[in-house]
Amino acid sequence: MSSTYYGPEVLRTEAWQLRSYAASVSSTLTNVDQEISNLNDCSSQALPAEILRRSYEAQRQQLLHIPDLLTSFAHALEQAAETFELADRPIALAGPEAYPPALATNKSTAGVLGEQSLPPRPLADNLPCWSEWGQDTWQAAVTPIPQAVLKFIAATRRENLTVTSHVAAQITQADPQDILSEISNPAPAWSLSGIELFFLGGLLQLPGFLGVADPLQGCSDEEAHAHLAQARQSLLQRRYLNQTPEGEQPDHDLSRLLHIAAAATQGLVAVQNTTHAVIYLAPGGIIMQQPLADHRVGFTAVETLSEVQTCLQTLLVAFQGPPAPGADITIAQPVLEYTCGVLSNDPSPKKIAACAAALTQTGLQPESAAAFALALARPISTGYITIFHRDACTAKRQSGFAWLTGASGVWIAGLPHPVFPTALTWQPASSHTEKLALDTIFAYHS
């Protein structure tokens, strides 16, 4: 009897394909489920709709469970590959530490998208990463004003604190030379730490901020109180916060700027590598929000929409290059995120070659698959630009595109297709496609 042997790389490739199949099957079943639910009594003359519905309902749960079965089998193959790799490694240590448990070393492969399988996220927690661009549920969350801020403000008002003459003597205007801009040349008019920003937001009774993480997360009540007291003192010294007969009030211009940003229902998010900008588009004005040095946030009032376009075109120059080789690449979003996690943990030539081989087996051209795997492992530039509509808590995309620049060239991807939301198509980018994508974004500006 002949035997067939499968090495770890073959097992991982098969697992990769299973995850891709699971995503495709899930998308197809979702569409079928929707079509069946939309049937009416006149949908079919040969087979009454009610009979079709009953027949489908009897098998529905089993059908919907197929993607989970495929994913579970993929996870089992990955565990087997991990076990084989551990067995093949030379034993450098004696004792129990020489044999780490397979499950403990395989956390990154748990599920279609394990928490530890994603690359590190240097952005604020409420802004999605570029590799999440293909998610059908993509949205950026507004960070609400922390309860610690609201308690501090209430306590401060009760104590009826005033500025002492010593503090008043130290009041100075912030030096604009100390403010650094990441995307545009003019320095932001206002520079705030995260705690200062949320303190002012609490005073103005704003719902929260987009693109800024909670600066007090993990602080005890005493620590939060000390940080807020220091932030309040700094704002008073710089006259960002003023004493009035009605109590402490933010500077009038700063107050108006923050109100415009909070009230805007439409805006732009531009992300490149580890930096980003949020641009609020409101009838009362255009406000640009950017991260600055020393974990500060800058706010600038922008005069016209053409200035915003100029800033974004400057950003686009940073990733311009030759179009990526080969044809378009269509890849399931869960597979993309999983692959990014695998390659971020091990961007070795061996792992890149294995990922390229797996992509080729899914139907991609070898040239495109190799270049795409290399770009995922060692990206030169990544990011996205999107125009969004915002409600009180979240911002959802209306239009936009993401990009991935590797050593061989640039890929660009629009929004996922509504019929197949789990698949994303990356196409070789040119200056023409980049300009067209940017023009499409501004066509959505109301």
Protein backbone atom coordinates (compact mmCIF):
# COMPACT_ATOMS: atom_id res chain seq x y z
CA MET A 1 0.00 0.00 0.00
CA SER A 2 1.47 3.40 -0.99
CA SER A 3 1.58 6.27 1.50
CA THR A 4 1.34 10.01 0.96
CA TYR A 5 3.18 12.41 3.27
CA TYR A 6 2.20 16.04 3.84
CA GLY A 7 4.62 18.56 5.33
CA PRO A 8 3.68 21.61 7.45
CA GLU A 9 3.71 24.00 4.48
CA VAL A 10 1.26 21.82 2.54
CA LEU A 11 -1.03 21.65 5.56
CA ARG A 12 -0.95 25.43 5.97
CA THR A 13 -1.69 25.93 2.28
CA GLU A 14 -4.69 23.62 2.48
CA ALA A 15 -5.87 25.43 5.62
CA TRP A 16 -5.54 28.74 3.81
CA GLN A 17 -7.67 27.50 0.94
CA LEU A 18 -10.30 26.19 3.37
CA ARG A 19 -10.57 29.62 4.98
CA SER A 20 -11.03 31.19 1.56
CA TYR A 21 -13.72 28.63 0.70
CA ALA A 22 -15.43 29.29 4.05
CA ALA A 23 -15.62 33.01 3.31
CA SER A 24 -17.03 32.39 -0.19
CA VAL A 25 -19.58 29.84 1.06
CA SER A 26 -20.65 32.20 3.84
CA SER A 27 -21.21 35.03 1.35
CA THR A 28 -23.20 32.76 -1.01
CA LEU A 29 -25.37 31.38 1.79
CA THR A 30 -26.11 34.88 3.02
CA ASN A 31 -27.32 35.86 -0.44
CA VAL A 32 -29.43 32.69 -0.76
CA ASP A 33 -30.91 33.32 2.67
CA GLN A 34 -31.90 36.83 1.61
CA GLU A 35 -33.43 35.68 -1.67
CA ILE A 36 -35.53 33.00 0.03
CA SER A 37 -36.82 35.47 2.60
CA ASN A 38 -37.84 37.85 -0.23
CA LEU A 39 -39.94 35.23 -2.02
CA ASN A 40 -43.65 35.86 -2.33
CA ASP A 41 -46.46 33.56 -3.35
CA CYS A 42 -46.10 34.51 -7.02
CA SER A 43 -42.36 33.86 -7.18
CA SER A 44 -42.65 30.43 -8.80
CA GLN A 45 -45.46 28.82 -10.75
CA ALA A 46 -43.81 25.40 -10.83
CA LEU A 47 -43.16 25.26 -7.11
CA PRO A 48 -45.19 27.35 -4.67
CA ALA A 49 -43.02 29.66 -2.64
CA GLU A 50 -44.27 28.29 0.68
CA ILE A 51 -43.14 24.74 -0.21
CA LEU A 52 -39.73 26.05 -1.28
CA ARG A 53 -39.40 28.01 1.95
CA ARG A 54 -40.30 24.97 4.06
CA SER A 55 -37.85 22.78 2.20
CA TYR A 56 -35.08 25.33 2.64
CA GLU A 57 -35.88 25.92 6.32
CA ALA A 58 -35.48 22.21 7.06
CA GLN A 59 -31.88 22.34 5.83
CA ARG A 60 -31.01 25.95 6.68
CA GLN A 61 -29.14 25.38 9.93
CA GLN A 62 -27.02 22.62 8.41
CA LEU A 63 -26.15 24.79 5.43
CA LEU A 64 -25.25 27.81 7.55
CA HIS A 65 -22.98 25.61 9.66
CA ILE A 66 -20.79 24.66 6.66
CA PRO A 67 -18.45 27.73 6.91
CA ASP A 68 -17.83 26.96 10.60
CA LEU A 69 -16.96 23.36 9.74
CA LEU A 70 -14.50 24.47 7.06
CA THR A 71 -12.89 26.96 9.43
CA SER A 72 -12.64 24.36 12.19
CA PHE A 73 -10.95 21.91 9.82
CA ALA A 74 -8.54 24.65 8.72
CA HIS A 75 -7.70 25.33 12.36
CA ALA A 76 -7.05 21.62 12.92
CA LEU A 77 -4.67 21.51 9.93
CA GLU A 78 -2.81 24.53 11.28
CA GLN A 79 -2.45 22.88 14.67
CA ALA A 80 -1.10 19.76 12.99
CA ALA A 81 1.41 21.85 11.01
CA GLU A 82 2.49 23.56 14.24
CA THR A 83 2.95 20.22 15.96
CA PHE A 84 5.11 18.89 13.09
CA GLU A 85 7.22 22.05 13.08
CA LEU A 86 7.80 21.80 16.82
CA ALA A 87 8.84 18.17 16.44
CA ASP A 88 11.32 19.11 13.70
CA ARG A 89 12.99 21.87 15.71
CA PRO A 90 16.28 21.06 17.44
CA ILE A 91 15.94 20.78 21.19
CA ALA A 92 18.12 23.48 22.74
CA LEU A 93 16.87 23.23 26.31
CA ALA A 94 16.35 20.30 28.62
CA GLY A 95 13.32 19.88 30.79
CA PRO A 96 9.64 20.75 30.19
CA GLU A 97 10.42 24.14 28.59
CA ALA A 98 11.89 22.31 25.59
CA TYR A 99 8.39 21.10 24.65
CA PRO A 100 5.99 24.06 24.66
CA PRO A 101 2.32 23.06 24.33
CA ALA A 102 1.05 23.21 20.75
CA LEU A 103 -2.00 25.28 21.66
CA ALA A 104 0.06 27.84 23.52
CA THR A 105 2.21 28.49 20.44
CA ASN A 106 -0.69 28.53 18.03
CA LYS A 107 -2.88 31.34 19.40
CA SER A 108 -2.47 33.36 16.22
CA THR A 109 -4.38 30.77 14.20
CA ALA A 110 -7.42 30.51 16.46
CA GLY A 111 -10.49 31.30 14.36
CA VAL A 112 -10.69 33.02 10.98
CA LEU A 113 -9.27 36.19 12.51
CA GLY A 114 -7.58 35.71 15.88
CA GLU A 115 -6.89 38.80 17.98
CA GLN A 116 -3.15 38.15 17.95
CA SER A 117 -2.95 37.44 14.22
CA LEU A 118 -3.35 41.07 13.17
CA PRO A 119 -0.36 43.39 12.74
CA PRO A 120 0.28 45.93 15.53
CA ARG A 121 -2.11 48.87 15.33
CA PRO A 122 -0.33 52.18 15.88
CA LEU A 123 -3.48 54.17 15.12
CA ALA A 124 -6.09 55.19 17.63
CA ASP A 125 -8.22 52.20 18.57
CA ASN A 126 -11.33 53.65 16.95
CA LEU A 127 -9.82 53.97 13.45
CA PRO A 128 -9.72 50.76 11.39
CA CYS A 129 -6.39 49.54 10.04
CA TRP A 130 -5.76 49.50 6.28
CA SER A 131 -5.93 45.68 6.23
CA GLU A 132 -9.53 45.91 7.50
CA TRP A 133 -10.63 47.96 4.47
CA GLY A 134 -12.53 45.04 2.95
CA GLN A 135 -14.75 44.50 5.97
CA ASP A 136 -18.42 44.87 5.07
CA THR A 137 -19.05 46.32 8.55
CA TRP A 138 -16.16 48.82 8.38
CA GLN A 139 -16.80 51.78 10.64
CA ALA A 140 -14.85 54.14 12.86
CA ALA A 141 -16.13 54.62 16.40
CA VAL A 142 -16.46 57.90 18.25
CA THR A 143 -14.69 57.80 21.62
CA PRO A 144 -17.17 59.17 24.19
CA ILE A 145 -16.19 61.62 26.92
CA PRO A 146 -14.90 59.46 29.81
CA GLN A 147 -16.95 59.43 33.00
CA ALA A 148 -13.84 60.49 34.94
CA VAL A 149 -13.83 63.77 32.98
CA LEU A 150 -17.49 64.47 33.70
CA LYS A 151 -16.99 63.75 37.43
CA PHE A 152 -13.97 66.05 37.57
CA ILE A 153 -15.85 68.89 35.86
CA ALA A 154 -18.79 68.52 38.25
CA ALA A 155 -16.45 68.55 41.26
CA THR A 156 -14.56 71.57 39.92
CA ARG A 157 -17.76 73.53 39.47
CA ARG A 158 -18.89 72.70 42.98
CA GLU A 159 -15.63 73.97 44.42
CA ASN A 160 -15.96 77.17 42.36
CA LEU A 161 -12.24 77.28 41.65
CA THR A 162 -10.69 80.51 40.37
CA VAL A 163 -7.37 81.38 38.82
CA THR A 164 -4.89 82.75 41.34
CA SER A 165 -2.83 85.83 40.65
CA HIS A 166 0.26 83.61 40.47
CA VAL A 167 -1.29 81.53 37.71
CA ALA A 168 -2.60 84.61 35.91
CA ALA A 169 0.92 86.03 35.80
CA GLN A 170 2.11 82.89 34.02
CA ILE A 171 -0.54 83.00 31.27
CA THR A 172 1.07 82.91 27.84
CA GLN A 173 -0.06 82.11 24.34
CA ALA A 174 1.17 78.80 22.90
CA ASP A 175 4.13 79.16 20.57
CA PRO A 176 2.96 78.05 17.09
CA GLN A 177 6.54 77.05 16.27
CA ASP A 178 6.16 74.14 18.69
CA ILE A 179 3.32 72.66 16.65
CA LEU A 180 4.23 70.08 14.02
CA SER A 181 2.02 69.15 11.08
CA GLU A 182 2.05 65.66 9.55
CA ILE A 183 0.35 66.29 6.21
CA SER A 184 0.03 70.01 5.39
CA ASN A 185 2.65 72.72 5.84
CA PRO A 186 0.72 75.30 7.94
CA ALA A 187 0.86 74.56 11.67
CA PRO A 188 -2.47 73.75 13.32
CA ALA A 189 -3.98 76.72 15.14
CA TRP A 190 -4.67 74.67 18.26
CA SER A 191 -2.58 71.97 19.93
CA LEU A 192 -4.10 69.84 22.69
CA SER A 193 -3.12 66.77 24.63
CA GLY A 194 -5.68 63.98 24.64
CA ILE A 195 -6.67 64.76 28.24
CA GLU A 196 -7.01 68.48 27.47
CA LEU A 197 -9.18 67.68 24.45
CA PHE A 198 -11.57 65.44 26.38
CA PHE A 199 -11.69 67.92 29.27
CA LEU A 200 -12.80 70.68 26.86
CA GLY A 201 -15.24 68.25 25.24
CA GLY A 202 -16.77 67.59 28.64
CA LEU A 203 -17.10 71.32 29.37
CA LEU A 204 -18.79 71.86 25.99
CA GLN A 205 -21.02 68.78 26.47
CA LEU A 206 -19.83 67.21 23.21
CA PRO A 207 -20.53 63.51 22.52
CA GLY A 208 -16.88 62.59 21.95
CA PHE A 209 -14.12 62.56 19.35
CA LEU A 210 -13.18 60.51 16.30
CA GLY A 211 -9.64 59.26 15.80
CA VAL A 212 -8.57 59.87 19.40
CA ALA A 213 -8.34 57.06 21.96
CA ASP A 214 -9.48 57.46 25.57
CA PRO A 215 -6.40 59.00 27.27
CA LEU A 216 -7.56 57.98 30.75
CA GLN A 217 -8.17 54.31 30.01
CA GLY A 218 -6.65 52.18 32.76
CA CYS A 219 -6.18 55.13 35.18
CA SER A 220 -7.48 54.95 38.74
CA ASP A 221 -9.81 57.70 39.96
CA GLU A 222 -6.94 59.40 41.77
CA GLU A 223 -4.67 59.26 38.74
CA ALA A 224 -7.40 60.57 36.44
CA HIS A 225 -8.11 63.45 38.85
CA ALA A 226 -4.42 64.41 38.96
CA HIS A 227 -4.06 64.30 35.15
CA LEU A 228 -7.21 66.37 34.65
CA ALA A 229 -6.12 68.96 37.23
CA GLN A 230 -2.82 69.32 35.39
CA ALA A 231 -4.59 69.60 32.02
CA ARG A 232 -6.95 72.26 33.38
CA GLN A 233 -4.00 74.25 34.72
CA SER A 234 -2.22 74.05 31.35
CA LEU A 235 -5.33 75.25 29.49
CA LEU A 236 -5.70 78.21 31.85
CA GLN A 237 -2.06 79.18 31.46
CA ARG A 238 -2.30 79.13 27.65
CA ARG A 239 -5.67 80.92 27.66
CA TYR A 240 -7.35 78.03 25.92
CA LEU A 241 -9.58 78.15 28.99
CA ASN A 242 -10.72 81.45 30.53
CA GLN A 243 -12.41 82.61 33.72
CA THR A 244 -15.75 84.33 33.15
CA PRO A 245 -18.58 85.42 35.47
CA GLU A 246 -20.40 82.25 34.36
CA GLY A 247 -17.44 80.04 35.24
CA GLU A 248 -14.58 78.59 33.22
CA GLN A 249 -15.21 78.72 29.47
CA PRO A 250 -13.06 77.55 26.53
CA ASP A 251 -11.72 80.22 24.17
CA HIS A 252 -14.51 81.36 21.85
CA ASP A 253 -12.72 80.41 18.60
CA LEU A 254 -11.61 77.05 19.99
CA SER A 255 -15.12 76.36 21.26
CA ARG A 256 -16.60 77.11 17.84
CA LEU A 257 -14.02 74.87 16.14
CA LEU A 258 -14.74 71.89 18.41
CA HIS A 259 -18.50 72.38 18.02
CA ILE A 260 -18.14 72.31 14.21
CA ALA A 261 -16.09 69.11 14.38
CA ALA A 262 -18.60 67.45 16.71
CA ALA A 263 -21.64 68.51 14.68
CA ALA A 264 -20.31 67.54 11.23
CA THR A 265 -22.21 64.58 9.81
CA GLN A 266 -19.78 64.14 6.93
CA GLY A 267 -16.02 64.04 6.79
CA LEU A 268 -12.88 62.40 5.50
CA VAL A 269 -10.41 60.00 7.06
CA ALA A 270 -6.95 59.79 5.49
CA VAL A 271 -4.55 57.15 6.82
CA GLN A 272 -0.97 56.55 5.75
CA ASN A 273 1.20 54.04 7.59
CA THR A 274 1.15 55.16 11.25
CA THR A 275 -0.29 58.64 10.82
CA HIS A 276 -3.76 59.89 9.96
CA ALA A 277 -5.96 62.95 9.58
CA VAL A 278 -9.67 63.45 10.11
CA ILE A 279 -11.32 66.27 8.15
CA TYR A 280 -14.80 67.39 9.21
CA LEU A 281 -17.04 68.86 6.50
CA ALA A 282 -19.83 70.99 7.97
CA PRO A 283 -21.90 73.97 6.78
CA GLY A 284 -20.18 76.07 9.48
CA GLY A 285 -16.69 75.31 8.22
CA ILE A 286 -14.04 72.70 7.47
CA ILE A 287 -11.88 71.46 10.33
CA MET A 288 -8.73 69.32 9.98
CA GLN A 289 -7.69 67.16 12.94
CA GLN A 290 -4.20 65.60 12.99
CA PRO A 291 -1.94 63.75 15.43
CA LEU A 292 1.10 65.79 16.48
CA ALA A 293 4.35 65.09 18.26
CA ASP A 294 4.27 64.13 21.97
CA HIS A 295 0.86 62.45 21.59
CA ARG A 296 -0.93 65.75 21.00
CA VAL A 297 -3.82 66.53 18.64
CA GLY A 298 -3.86 69.52 16.30
CA PHE A 299 -6.94 71.32 14.95
CA THR A 300 -6.93 73.69 11.98
CA ALA A 301 -9.74 75.64 10.33
CA VAL A 302 -9.51 75.10 6.54
CA GLU A 303 -10.85 77.81 4.27
CA THR A 304 -11.92 75.88 1.17
CA LEU A 305 -12.46 72.35 -0.07
CA SER A 306 -9.69 72.86 -2.63
CA GLU A 307 -7.21 73.15 0.26
CA VAL A 308 -8.39 69.75 1.50
CA GLN A 309 -7.87 68.28 -1.97
CA THR A 310 -4.36 69.73 -2.09
CA CYS A 311 -3.54 68.14 1.28
CA LEU A 312 -4.80 64.75 0.12
CA GLN A 313 -2.95 64.97 -3.19
CA THR A 314 0.21 65.65 -1.20
CA LEU A 315 -0.52 62.51 0.78
CA LEU A 316 -1.00 60.50 -2.41
CA VAL A 317 2.46 61.45 -3.66
CA ALA A 318 3.90 59.43 -0.79
CA PHE A 319 2.69 56.12 -2.25
CA GLN A 320 2.94 56.79 -5.97
CA GLY A 321 4.96 54.30 -7.94
CA PRO A 322 4.69 51.92 -10.87
CA PRO A 323 1.58 49.75 -11.12
CA ALA A 324 1.95 46.37 -9.47
CA PRO A 325 2.71 43.51 -11.87
CA GLY A 326 0.16 41.09 -13.25
CA ALA A 327 -3.63 41.20 -13.17
CA ASP A 328 -6.19 42.11 -10.51
CA ILE A 329 -6.16 40.19 -7.24
CA THR A 330 -9.42 39.15 -5.59
CA ILE A 331 -8.98 37.83 -2.08
CA ALA A 332 -11.43 37.08 0.72
CA GLN A 333 -11.17 39.66 3.50
CA PRO A 334 -10.73 37.12 6.33
CA VAL A 335 -7.92 35.48 4.35
CA LEU A 336 -6.24 38.87 3.80
CA GLU A 337 -6.32 39.72 7.51
CA TYR A 338 -5.11 36.24 8.45
CA THR A 339 -2.26 36.45 5.91
CA CYS A 340 -1.20 39.87 7.20
CA GLY A 341 -1.02 38.41 10.69
CA VAL A 342 1.02 35.39 9.59
CA LEU A 343 3.51 37.49 7.63
CA SER A 344 3.85 40.17 10.31
CA ASN A 345 4.87 37.45 12.77
CA ASP A 346 7.29 35.84 10.30
CA PRO A 347 8.20 37.87 7.16
CA SER A 348 10.92 35.38 6.20
CA PRO A 349 11.49 34.43 2.53
CA LYS A 350 10.26 30.92 3.31
CA LYS A 351 6.96 32.17 4.72
CA ILE A 352 6.52 34.67 1.87
CA ALA A 353 7.06 31.88 -0.67
CA ALA A 354 4.53 29.69 1.12
CA CYS A 355 1.93 32.48 1.08
CA ALA A 356 2.60 33.17 -2.60
CA ALA A 357 2.13 29.45 -3.39
CA ALA A 358 -1.16 29.42 -1.48
CA LEU A 359 -2.39 32.50 -3.35
CA THR A 360 -1.44 30.88 -6.65
CA GLN A 361 -3.47 27.77 -5.77
CA THR A 362 -6.53 29.97 -5.24
CA GLY A 363 -6.33 30.99 -8.91
CA LEU A 364 -4.07 34.06 -8.91
CA GLN A 365 -1.34 34.53 -11.45
CA PRO A 366 2.06 33.45 -10.03
CA GLU A 367 3.64 36.85 -10.76
CA SER A 368 0.85 38.74 -9.01
CA ALA A 369 0.70 36.29 -6.10
CA ALA A 370 4.45 36.54 -5.44
CA ALA A 371 4.49 40.34 -5.60
CA PHE A 372 1.37 40.63 -3.42
CA ALA A 373 2.74 38.27 -0.76
CA LEU A 374 6.00 40.24 -0.66
CA ALA A 375 4.09 43.52 -0.32
CA LEU A 376 2.01 42.14 2.55
CA ALA A 377 5.16 40.97 4.35
CA ARG A 378 7.26 44.07 3.72
CA PRO A 379 4.99 46.97 2.77
CA ILE A 380 6.54 50.29 1.75
CA SER A 381 3.33 52.26 2.19
CA THR A 382 -0.22 51.37 3.22
CA GLY A 383 -3.32 53.42 3.88
CA TYR A 384 -6.76 54.51 2.79
CA ILE A 385 -8.84 57.63 2.16
CA THR A 386 -12.57 57.58 2.68
CA ILE A 387 -15.46 59.99 2.89
CA PHE A 388 -17.85 58.99 5.66
CA HIS A 389 -21.26 59.77 7.07
CA ARG A 390 -21.33 60.03 10.85
CA ASP A 391 -24.06 59.57 13.41
CA ALA A 392 -23.62 60.08 17.14
CA CYS A 393 -21.44 56.99 17.67
CA THR A 394 -19.92 55.77 14.41
CA ALA A 395 -18.65 56.86 11.00
CA LYS A 396 -19.55 54.68 8.00
CA ARG A 397 -17.94 54.85 4.55
CA GLN A 398 -19.68 56.37 1.55
CA SER A 399 -16.79 56.05 -0.89
CA GLY A 400 -13.04 55.63 -0.80
CA PHE A 401 -10.08 53.44 -1.61
CA ALA A 402 -7.16 51.71 0.08
CA TRP A 403 -3.65 51.12 -1.21
CA LEU A 404 -0.76 48.76 -0.70
CA THR A 405 2.69 49.62 -2.02
CA GLY A 406 5.33 46.92 -2.29
CA ALA A 407 8.75 46.65 -3.88
CA SER A 408 7.13 45.73 -7.23
CA GLY A 409 4.53 48.51 -7.35
CA VAL A 410 1.19 49.76 -6.07
CA TRP A 411 -2.20 48.09 -5.63
CA ILE A 412 -5.43 49.99 -5.05
CA ALA A 413 -8.83 48.70 -3.87
CA GLY A 414 -12.24 50.34 -3.81
CA LEU A 415 -15.15 49.33 -1.59
CA PRO A 416 -16.22 45.66 -1.52
CA HIS A 417 -18.90 44.61 -3.99
CA PRO A 418 -22.32 44.65 -2.28
CA VAL A 419 -23.18 41.19 -3.65
CA PHE A 420 -19.89 39.65 -2.44
CA PRO A 421 -18.98 41.74 0.62
CA THR A 422 -16.36 39.28 1.89
CA ALA A 423 -14.15 39.61 -1.21
CA LEU A 424 -11.95 42.56 -2.09
CA THR A 425 -10.34 43.22 -5.47
CA TRP A 426 -6.90 44.84 -5.54
CA GLN A 427 -5.88 46.18 -8.94
CA PRO A 428 -2.54 47.54 -10.17
CA ALA A 429 -2.67 51.29 -9.58
CA SER A 430 -1.65 54.11 -11.90
CA SER A 431 -1.74 57.88 -11.48
CA HIS A 432 -4.96 57.86 -13.51
CA THR A 433 -6.74 55.37 -11.23
CA GLU A 434 -5.53 57.26 -8.15
CA LYS A 435 -6.89 60.59 -9.44
CA LEU A 436 -10.16 58.95 -10.48
CA ALA A 437 -10.54 57.39 -7.02
CA LEU A 438 -9.93 60.74 -5.33
CA ASP A 439 -12.39 62.56 -7.62
CA THR A 440 -15.02 59.91 -6.78
CA ILE A 441 -14.60 60.64 -3.08
CA PHE A 442 -15.31 64.36 -3.48
CA ALA A 443 -18.30 63.61 -5.70
CA TYR A 444 -19.99 62.33 -2.50
CA HIS A 445 -19.50 65.65 -0.69
CA SER A 446 -22.93 67.15 -0.03
